[in-house]
Amino acid sequence: MIRIEYLEDIKLILAANFIKKLKSCVQEAYPNEACGILFGKINQIKNDELEDDYFYHYIAKDFDCIKSDQKSMVSFLIENIEKLHEIIQTKIIDLEDEMRLISIFHSHPSGNYPSSTDIKNMKFLDDFSNIEHKFVSKAFKSLIWLIMDGSSFEINGFIYYNSTLYQIDVKVRE
């Protein structure tokens, strides 16, 4: 089992209405895994206690539930990366300036920690973002993976950053 470190410097901030949207996405896909993408902004906040240190708040502004190309209780699959890239680019153009893809969401039938497949995909997308290709976008770099337990609807956030998997705080605001 992979060791997951905790990273205090990064937080995903969700409005309470996002939890309803995420739960609805999970319920629609049940008993299979649900998936979707969150768009928003990343605010860099100077840490006054340490020089050259920052906090990063990923603030969700929009969510799209996406049907998985694979109906499965143990994984989700979006096979057409070019189509996903097109959805992301269209969404970013339609939303406010400075919006970007900030999170990939999915559910597990039970539990809210990344599977070995999730970790492999986190690494792949992070590496994929470094490739120079017409369909490849930096949009997949440093994404938060938001995982919801399909039974309890509890959520957890993770980020694959600098070749390390971290758990991050997910804050829900009323």
Foldseek 3Di string as FASTA:
>chain_A
DDDAAADAQEEEEAAPVVLVVLLVQLVVLPPFKWKKWFKAAWDWADDPVDPPDTGIYGYTDDMDTDQFPDNHLADGHDPPLLVVLVVQVVVQVVDDPRMATAEMEMEHQADADDDPVRVVVLVVLQVQQVDDDPSHHVRSHFHWYWYAHNPPRDIWIWTCDPNHIYTYHYHYHD
